[in-house]
Amino acid sequence: MRLSAPIFRLKRQARLLAREAGLPLHAALDRLARDEGFRSWSHLTARVSERSTASAILAELNPGDLILLGARPGQGKTLLGLALAVEAVRAGRPGFFFTLDWSEGDVLQHLRSIGADPKTLDGSFVLDTSDDIRADHITARLGAAPRGGLAVVDYLQLLDQRRRNPELGAQMTALSAFARASGSILVMISQIDRRFDLQAKALPDLSDVRLPNPLDLGLFTKTCFLHDGAVRLEAVA
């Protein structure tokens, strides 16, 4: 969803409305937000912030990158991953969203919540909710996608939950090699161990990634961690 005016102009309109209608400023802001299709002003600003965050992260990603996107539950990691795929499409690239967690209905609902109309994304946005998602399935679906196409996988710890699937380490080695060879960008959403909640640090890091099965975290080229509204993207040393 596009705003009818930039945020600073909407704020100016809200101040004028507050004076003319004798409303508290917060009420005027909420009224304008509803006119824009949002529940409230805080809902509007959260969605705008989410899109700008995804756009800023996308600008820092390079063909061949393998990114770990991690956070504790409820921090918005999956929604940010979805926003990254949408921003890739808006930038003229294919965007893939593979999920073993959300249903198709969940994804469509969340697309609308971030202001993305599924009908306008056309065939450049590919949604896959198959139970068969694993490394070879992902690489087959990406196929001949052009260099710089972005795929988000939701989520890392579910890739080998089925016994017939290869071990997680083997799958990630294959995906790393595929990203480098094809120039695709792969974003792996990851769970963070609950012990992070007991530590005195602002954001998780690689030491907090929940790994029920062995995995060489050195395969990742970049990490992106979220917590309490803070986001940190950095290269893996």
C-alpha atoms as a PDB file:
ATOM      1  CA  MET A   1       0.000   0.000   0.000  1.00  0.00           C
ATOM      2  CA  ARG A   2       1.365   3.407  -1.008  1.00  0.00           C
ATOM      3  CA  LEU A   3       0.856   6.398   1.271  1.00  0.00           C
ATOM      4  CA  SER A   4      -0.942   9.391  -0.204  1.00  0.00           C
ATOM      5  CA  ALA A   5       1.887  11.613   1.066  1.00  0.00           C
ATOM      6  CA  PRO A   6       5.251  11.242   2.820  1.00  0.00           C
ATOM      7  CA  ILE A   7       5.195  10.743   6.597  1.00  0.00           C
ATOM      8  CA  PHE A   8       6.280  14.334   7.360  1.00  0.00           C
ATOM      9  CA  ARG A   9       3.397  15.722   5.285  1.00  0.00           C
ATOM     10  CA  LEU A  10       0.901  13.402   6.964  1.00  0.00           C
ATOM     11  CA  LYS A  11       2.133  14.654  10.336  1.00  0.00           C
ATOM     12  CA  ARG A  12       1.608  18.247   9.169  1.00  0.00           C
ATOM     13  CA  GLN A  13      -1.920  17.374   8.007  1.00  0.00           C
ATOM     14  CA  ALA A  14      -2.605  15.779  11.407  1.00  0.00           C
ATOM     15  CA  ARG A  15      -1.518  18.946  13.249  1.00  0.00           C
ATOM     16  CA  LEU A  16      -3.822  21.041  11.058  1.00  0.00           C
ATOM     17  CA  LEU A  17      -6.678  18.580  11.597  1.00  0.00           C
ATOM     18  CA  ALA A  18      -6.100  18.622  15.351  1.00  0.00           C
ATOM     19  CA  ARG A  19      -6.378  22.446  15.435  1.00  0.00           C
ATOM     20  CA  GLU A  20      -9.370  22.660  13.101  1.00  0.00           C
ATOM     21  CA  ALA A  21     -11.371  19.811  14.655  1.00  0.00           C
ATOM     22  CA  GLY A  22     -10.288  20.390  18.244  1.00  0.00           C
ATOM     23  CA  LEU A  23      -8.816  16.911  18.492  1.00  0.00           C
ATOM     24  CA  PRO A  24      -5.853  15.671  20.501  1.00  0.00           C
ATOM     25  CA  LEU A  25      -2.903  15.179  18.136  1.00  0.00           C
ATOM     26  CA  HIS A  26      -2.830  11.404  18.690  1.00  0.00           C
ATOM     27  CA  ALA A  27      -6.506  11.177  17.647  1.00  0.00           C
ATOM     28  CA  ALA A  28      -5.838  13.206  14.504  1.00  0.00           C
ATOM     29  CA  LEU A  29      -2.867  11.000  13.644  1.00  0.00           C
ATOM     30  CA  ASP A  30      -4.970   7.867  14.095  1.00  0.00           C
ATOM     31  CA  ARG A  31      -7.737   9.304  11.907  1.00  0.00           C
ATOM     32  CA  LEU A  32      -5.289  10.023   9.076  1.00  0.00           C
ATOM     33  CA  ALA A  33      -3.778   6.562   9.466  1.00  0.00           C
ATOM     34  CA  ARG A  34      -7.224   4.982   9.089  1.00  0.00           C
ATOM     35  CA  ASP A  35      -7.760   7.070   5.945  1.00  0.00           C
ATOM     36  CA  GLU A  36      -4.532   5.502   4.631  1.00  0.00           C
ATOM     37  CA  GLY A  37      -5.838   2.004   5.367  1.00  0.00           C
ATOM     38  CA  PHE A  38      -4.088   1.325   8.692  1.00  0.00           C
ATOM     39  CA  ARG A  39      -5.544   0.571  12.112  1.00  0.00           C
ATOM     40  CA  SER A  40      -3.696   3.402  13.840  1.00  0.00           C
ATOM     41  CA  TRP A  41      -0.741   5.769  13.483  1.00  0.00           C
ATOM     42  CA  SER A  42       1.532   3.304  15.275  1.00  0.00           C
ATOM     43  CA  HIS A  43       0.462   0.586  12.825  1.00  0.00           C
ATOM     44  CA  LEU A  44       1.247   2.868   9.881  1.00  0.00           C
ATOM     45  CA  THR A  45       4.696   3.844  11.148  1.00  0.00           C
ATOM     46  CA  ALA A  46       5.566   0.224  11.994  1.00  0.00           C
ATOM     47  CA  ARG A  47       4.756  -0.897   8.451  1.00  0.00           C
ATOM     48  CA  VAL A  48       6.703   1.979   6.901  1.00  0.00           C
ATOM     49  CA  SER A  49       9.662   1.193   9.158  1.00  0.00           C
ATOM     50  CA  GLU A  50       9.492  -2.501   8.226  1.00  0.00           C
ATOM     51  CA  ARG A  51       9.627  -1.754   4.518  1.00  0.00           C
ATOM     52  CA  SER A  52      12.485   0.728   4.912  1.00  0.00           C
ATOM     53  CA  THR A  53      14.404  -1.826   7.010  1.00  0.00           C
ATOM     54  CA  ALA A  54      13.939  -4.530   4.364  1.00  0.00           C
ATOM     55  CA  SER A  55      14.961  -2.120   1.619  1.00  0.00           C
ATOM     56  CA  ALA A  56      18.092  -1.067   3.524  1.00  0.00           C
ATOM     57  CA  ILE A  57      19.094  -4.688   4.167  1.00  0.00           C
ATOM     58  CA  LEU A  58      18.489  -5.688   0.542  1.00  0.00           C
ATOM     59  CA  ALA A  59      20.833  -2.920  -0.596  1.00  0.00           C
ATOM     60  CA  GLU A  60      23.644  -4.515   1.459  1.00  0.00           C
ATOM     61  CA  LEU A  61      23.227  -8.037   0.053  1.00  0.00           C
ATOM     62  CA  ASN A  62      25.317  -9.338  -2.825  1.00  0.00           C
ATOM     63  CA  PRO A  63      24.829 -12.160  -5.343  1.00  0.00           C
ATOM     64  CA  GLY A  64      26.079 -15.396  -3.776  1.00  0.00           C
ATOM     65  CA  ASP A  65      25.345 -14.326  -0.198  1.00  0.00           C
ATOM     66  CA  LEU A  66      24.040 -16.867   2.303  1.00  0.00           C
ATOM     67  CA  ILE A  67      22.436 -14.956   5.179  1.00  0.00           C
ATOM     68  CA  LEU A  68      21.268 -16.129   8.583  1.00  0.00           C
ATOM     69  CA  LEU A  69      18.295 -14.082   9.813  1.00  0.00           C
ATOM     70  CA  GLY A  70      17.768 -14.862  13.481  1.00  0.00           C
ATOM     71  CA  ALA A  71      15.664 -13.724  16.428  1.00  0.00           C
ATOM     72  CA  ARG A  72      13.675 -15.046  19.355  1.00  0.00           C
ATOM     73  CA  PRO A  73       9.929 -15.692  18.810  1.00  0.00           C
ATOM     74  CA  GLY A  74       7.775 -12.611  18.373  1.00  0.00           C
ATOM     75  CA  GLN A  75      10.577 -10.317  17.185  1.00  0.00           C
ATOM     76  CA  GLY A  76       9.438 -10.174  13.537  1.00  0.00           C
ATOM     77  CA  LYS A  77      12.114 -12.257  11.829  1.00  0.00           C
ATOM     78  CA  THR A  78       9.707 -14.136   9.537  1.00  0.00           C
ATOM     79  CA  LEU A  79       7.832 -10.974   8.619  1.00  0.00           C
ATOM     80  CA  LEU A  80      11.139  -9.268   7.821  1.00  0.00           C
ATOM     81  CA  GLY A  81      12.099 -12.242   5.658  1.00  0.00           C
ATOM     82  CA  LEU A  82       8.814 -11.942   3.779  1.00  0.00           C
ATOM     83  CA  ALA A  83       9.376  -8.191   3.385  1.00  0.00           C
ATOM     84  CA  LEU A  84      12.830  -8.900   1.910  1.00  0.00           C
ATOM     85  CA  ALA A  85      11.314 -11.166  -0.746  1.00  0.00           C
ATOM     86  CA  VAL A  86       8.723  -8.492  -1.568  1.00  0.00           C
ATOM     87  CA  GLU A  87      11.380  -5.769  -1.769  1.00  0.00           C
ATOM     88  CA  ALA A  88      13.379  -7.955  -4.167  1.00  0.00           C
ATOM     89  CA  VAL A  89      10.334  -8.111  -6.449  1.00  0.00           C
ATOM     90  CA  ARG A  90       9.845  -4.347  -6.182  1.00  0.00           C
ATOM     91  CA  ALA A  91      13.491  -3.955  -7.197  1.00  0.00           C
ATOM     92  CA  GLY A  92      12.857  -5.974 -10.363  1.00  0.00           C
ATOM     93  CA  ARG A  93      14.241  -9.297  -9.131  1.00  0.00           C
ATOM     94  CA  PRO A  94      12.498 -12.607  -8.490  1.00  0.00           C
ATOM     95  CA  GLY A  95      11.614 -13.182  -4.837  1.00  0.00           C
ATOM     96  CA  PHE A  96      10.982 -16.654  -3.393  1.00  0.00           C
ATOM     97  CA  PHE A  97       9.472 -17.466  -0.003  1.00  0.00           C
ATOM     98  CA  PHE A  98       9.787 -21.102   1.123  1.00  0.00           C
ATOM     99  CA  THR A  99       8.034 -21.862   4.403  1.00  0.00           C
ATOM    100  CA  LEU A 100       7.654 -25.019   6.443  1.00  0.00           C
ATOM    101  CA  ASP A 101       5.928 -23.057   9.191  1.00  0.00           C
ATOM    102  CA  TRP A 102       3.280 -20.715   7.723  1.00  0.00           C
ATOM    103  CA  SER A 103       0.297 -21.802   5.625  1.00  0.00           C
ATOM    104  CA  GLU A 104      -0.524 -20.092   2.330  1.00  0.00           C
ATOM    105  CA  GLY A 105      -3.308 -18.227   4.126  1.00  0.00           C
ATOM    106  CA  ASP A 106      -0.832 -17.017   6.763  1.00  0.00           C
ATOM    107  CA  VAL A 107       1.497 -15.689   4.078  1.00  0.00           C
ATOM    108  CA  LEU A 108      -1.271 -13.888   2.183  1.00  0.00           C
ATOM    109  CA  GLN A 109      -2.469 -12.292   5.412  1.00  0.00           C
ATOM    110  CA  HIS A 110       1.039 -11.120   6.316  1.00  0.00           C
ATOM    111  CA  LEU A 111       1.654  -9.824   2.793  1.00  0.00           C
ATOM    112  CA  ARG A 112      -1.340  -7.545   3.221  1.00  0.00           C
ATOM    113  CA  SER A 113      -0.131  -6.488   6.677  1.00  0.00           C
ATOM    114  CA  ILE A 114       3.109  -5.148   5.154  1.00  0.00           C
ATOM    115  CA  GLY A 115       1.231  -3.328   2.411  1.00  0.00           C
ATOM    116  CA  ALA A 116       1.913  -5.835  -0.374  1.00  0.00           C
ATOM    117  CA  ASP A 117      -1.008  -6.738  -2.620  1.00  0.00           C
ATOM    118  CA  PRO A 118      -0.433 -10.353  -3.778  1.00  0.00           C
ATOM    119  CA  LYS A 119      -2.173  -9.554  -7.075  1.00  0.00           C
ATOM    120  CA  THR A 120       0.385  -6.889  -7.982  1.00  0.00           C
ATOM    121  CA  LEU A 121       3.419  -9.109  -7.356  1.00  0.00           C
ATOM    122  CA  ASP A 122       2.600 -11.223 -10.436  1.00  0.00           C
ATOM    123  CA  GLY A 123       4.845 -14.193 -11.161  1.00  0.00           C
ATOM    124  CA  SER A 124       7.956 -12.525  -9.770  1.00  0.00           C
ATOM    125  CA  PHE A 125       6.964 -13.577  -6.250  1.00  0.00           C
ATOM    126  CA  VAL A 126       7.012 -17.338  -5.733  1.00  0.00           C
ATOM    127  CA  LEU A 127       5.437 -18.834  -2.623  1.00  0.00           C
ATOM    128  CA  ASP A 128       6.195 -22.446  -1.703  1.00  0.00           C
ATOM    129  CA  THR A 129       4.540 -24.092   1.314  1.00  0.00           C
ATOM    130  CA  SER A 130       5.363 -27.664   0.300  1.00  0.00           C
ATOM    131  CA  ASP A 131       6.227 -30.244   2.967  1.00  0.00           C
ATOM    132  CA  ASP A 132       9.104 -31.311   0.684  1.00  0.00           C
ATOM    133  CA  ILE A 133      11.159 -28.150   1.182  1.00  0.00           C
ATOM    134  CA  ARG A 134      14.832 -29.069   1.533  1.00  0.00           C
ATOM    135  CA  ALA A 135      18.053 -28.123  -0.266  1.00  0.00           C
ATOM    136  CA  ASP A 136      17.484 -29.991  -3.531  1.00  0.00           C
ATOM    137  CA  HIS A 137      13.854 -28.833  -3.685  1.00  0.00           C
ATOM    138  CA  ILE A 138      14.926 -25.206  -3.179  1.00  0.00           C
ATOM    139  CA  THR A 139      17.643 -25.310  -5.838  1.00  0.00           C
ATOM    140  CA  ALA A 140      15.291 -27.007  -8.306  1.00  0.00           C
ATOM    141  CA  ARG A 141      12.624 -24.327  -7.783  1.00  0.00           C
ATOM    142  CA  LEU A 142      15.169 -21.535  -8.183  1.00  0.00           C
ATOM    143  CA  GLY A 143      16.294 -23.211 -11.393  1.00  0.00           C
ATOM    144  CA  ALA A 144      17.417 -20.635 -13.918  1.00  0.00           C
ATOM    145  CA  ALA A 145      16.441 -17.615 -11.802  1.00  0.00           C
ATOM    146  CA  PRO A 146      18.598 -14.646 -12.813  1.00  0.00           C
ATOM    147  CA  ARG A 147      21.639 -13.637 -10.803  1.00  0.00           C
ATOM    148  CA  GLY A 148      20.663 -11.593  -7.757  1.00  0.00           C
ATOM    149  CA  GLY A 149      17.314 -13.305  -7.240  1.00  0.00           C
ATOM    150  CA  LEU A 150      16.468 -13.678  -3.553  1.00  0.00           C
ATOM    151  CA  ALA A 151      15.015 -16.679  -1.734  1.00  0.00           C
ATOM    152  CA  VAL A 152      13.932 -16.775   1.907  1.00  0.00           C
ATOM    153  CA  VAL A 153      13.689 -20.118   3.724  1.00  0.00           C
ATOM    154  CA  ASP A 154      11.464 -20.376   6.807  1.00  0.00           C
ATOM    155  CA  TYR A 155      13.153 -21.876   8.631  1.00  0.00           C
ATOM    156  CA  LEU A 156      16.631 -23.399   9.051  1.00  0.00           C
ATOM    157  CA  GLN A 157      15.904 -25.846  11.886  1.00  0.00           C
ATOM    158  CA  LEU A 158      13.032 -27.492   9.995  1.00  0.00           C
ATOM    159  CA  LEU A 159      14.998 -28.491   6.899  1.00  0.00           C
ATOM    160  CA  ASP A 160      15.992 -31.888   8.303  1.00  0.00           C
ATOM    161  CA  GLN A 161      13.008 -32.578  10.547  1.00  0.00           C
ATOM    162  CA  ARG A 162      11.962 -35.452   8.269  1.00  0.00           C
ATOM    163  CA  ARG A 163      14.169 -38.482   8.661  1.00  0.00           C
ATOM    164  CA  ARG A 164      14.381 -39.041   4.917  1.00  0.00           C
ATOM    165  CA  ASN A 165      15.922 -35.587   4.423  1.00  0.00           C
ATOM    166  CA  PRO A 166      19.715 -35.201   4.349  1.00  0.00           C
ATOM    167  CA  GLU A 167      21.441 -33.905   7.470  1.00  0.00           C
ATOM    168  CA  LEU A 168      21.227 -30.147   7.987  1.00  0.00           C
ATOM    169  CA  GLY A 169      24.982 -29.684   7.541  1.00  0.00           C
ATOM    170  CA  ALA A 170      24.929 -31.433   4.154  1.00  0.00           C
ATOM    171  CA  GLN A 171      21.949 -29.405   2.986  1.00  0.00           C
ATOM    172  CA  MET A 172      23.518 -26.109   3.970  1.00  0.00           C
ATOM    173  CA  THR A 173      26.795 -27.023   2.274  1.00  0.00           C
ATOM    174  CA  ALA A 174      24.820 -27.678  -0.915  1.00  0.00           C
ATOM    175  CA  LEU A 175      22.888 -24.418  -0.606  1.00  0.00           C
ATOM    176  CA  SER A 176      26.075 -22.448   0.018  1.00  0.00           C
ATOM    177  CA  ALA A 177      27.655 -23.908  -3.113  1.00  0.00           C
ATOM    178  CA  PHE A 178      24.503 -23.211  -5.126  1.00  0.00           C
ATOM    179  CA  ALA A 179      24.361 -19.572  -4.002  1.00  0.00           C
ATOM    180  CA  ARG A 180      27.982 -18.997  -5.024  1.00  0.00           C
ATOM    181  CA  ALA A 181      27.595 -20.733  -8.384  1.00  0.00           C
ATOM    182  CA  SER A 182      24.254 -19.184  -9.356  1.00  0.00           C
ATOM    183  CA  GLY A 183      24.604 -15.732  -7.827  1.00  0.00           C
ATOM    184  CA  SER A 184      21.358 -16.240  -5.929  1.00  0.00           C
ATOM    185  CA  ILE A 185      20.893 -14.671  -2.500  1.00  0.00           C
ATOM    186  CA  LEU A 186      19.626 -17.123   0.129  1.00  0.00           C
ATOM    187  CA  VAL A 187      18.197 -15.916   3.442  1.00  0.00           C
ATOM    188  CA  MET A 188      17.783 -18.604   6.101  1.00  0.00           C
ATOM    189  CA  ILE A 189      15.430 -17.677   8.946  1.00  0.00           C
ATOM    190  CA  SER A 190      16.702 -19.171  12.186  1.00  0.00           C
ATOM    191  CA  GLN A 191      15.561 -19.832  15.714  1.00  0.00           C
ATOM    192  CA  ILE A 192      17.603 -18.446  18.582  1.00  0.00           C
ATOM    193  CA  ASP A 193      18.196 -20.475  21.728  1.00  0.00           C
ATOM    194  CA  ARG A 194      16.124 -19.413  24.725  1.00  0.00           C
ATOM    195  CA  ARG A 195      19.287 -18.985  26.805  1.00  0.00           C
ATOM    196  CA  PHE A 196      19.711 -15.645  24.983  1.00  0.00           C
ATOM    197  CA  ASP A 197      16.876 -14.256  27.121  1.00  0.00           C
ATOM    198  CA  LEU A 198      19.036 -14.699  30.204  1.00  0.00           C
ATOM    199  CA  GLN A 199      22.086 -12.911  28.828  1.00  0.00           C
ATOM    200  CA  ALA A 200      22.960  -9.247  29.223  1.00  0.00           C
ATOM    201  CA  LYS A 201      23.466  -8.392  25.552  1.00  0.00           C
ATOM    202  CA  ALA A 202      21.268  -6.339  23.248  1.00  0.00           C
ATOM    203  CA  LEU A 203      21.209  -8.692  20.259  1.00  0.00           C
ATOM    204  CA  PRO A 204      21.821 -12.391  19.630  1.00  0.00           C
ATOM    205  CA  ASP A 205      24.876 -13.577  17.720  1.00  0.00           C
ATOM    206  CA  LEU A 206      26.009 -16.815  16.093  1.00  0.00           C
ATOM    207  CA  SER A 207      26.699 -18.382  19.481  1.00  0.00           C
ATOM    208  CA  ASP A 208      22.953 -18.123  20.238  1.00  0.00           C
ATOM    209  CA  VAL A 209      21.706 -19.962  17.149  1.00  0.00           C
ATOM    210  CA  ARG A 210      19.681 -23.029  18.148  1.00  0.00           C
ATOM    211  CA  LEU A 211      21.386 -26.058  16.608  1.00  0.00           C
ATOM    212  CA  PRO A 212      19.765 -29.395  17.452  1.00  0.00           C
ATOM    213  CA  ASN A 213      21.961 -30.877  14.697  1.00  0.00           C
ATOM    214  CA  PRO A 214      25.564 -30.012  13.704  1.00  0.00           C
ATOM    215  CA  LEU A 215      26.096 -27.139  11.262  1.00  0.00           C
ATOM    216  CA  ASP A 216      29.153 -25.158  10.203  1.00  0.00           C
ATOM    217  CA  LEU A 217      28.010 -21.576  10.787  1.00  0.00           C
ATOM    218  CA  GLY A 218      31.031 -20.410   8.810  1.00  0.00           C
ATOM    219  CA  LEU A 219      29.050 -21.223   5.666  1.00  0.00           C
ATOM    220  CA  PHE A 220      27.083 -18.004   6.141  1.00  0.00           C
ATOM    221  CA  THR A 221      28.471 -14.858   4.551  1.00  0.00           C
ATOM    222  CA  LYS A 222      26.311 -12.451   6.585  1.00  0.00           C
ATOM    223  CA  THR A 223      24.092 -12.467   9.652  1.00  0.00           C
ATOM    224  CA  CYS A 224      21.092 -10.326  10.539  1.00  0.00           C
ATOM    225  CA  PHE A 225      19.867 -10.429  14.130  1.00  0.00           C
ATOM    226  CA  LEU A 226      16.785  -8.720  15.594  1.00  0.00           C
ATOM    227  CA  HIS A 227      15.671  -7.965  19.127  1.00  0.00           C
ATOM    228  CA  ASP A 228      13.389  -5.351  20.697  1.00  0.00           C
ATOM    229  CA  GLY A 229      13.238  -3.310  17.502  1.00  0.00           C
ATOM    230  CA  ALA A 230      17.008  -3.268  16.937  1.00  0.00           C
ATOM    231  CA  VAL A 231      18.488  -4.827  13.771  1.00  0.00           C
ATOM    232  CA  ARG A 232      22.131  -5.615  13.051  1.00  0.00           C
ATOM    233  CA  LEU A 233      23.418  -6.835   9.682  1.00  0.00           C
ATOM    234  CA  GLU A 234      27.082  -7.740   9.454  1.00  0.00           C
ATOM    235  CA  ALA A 235      29.517  -9.904   7.519  1.00  0.00           C
ATOM    236  CA  VAL A 236      30.686 -13.180   9.020  1.00  0.00           C
ATOM    237  CA  ALA A 237      34.399 -12.983   9.810  1.00  0.00           C
END
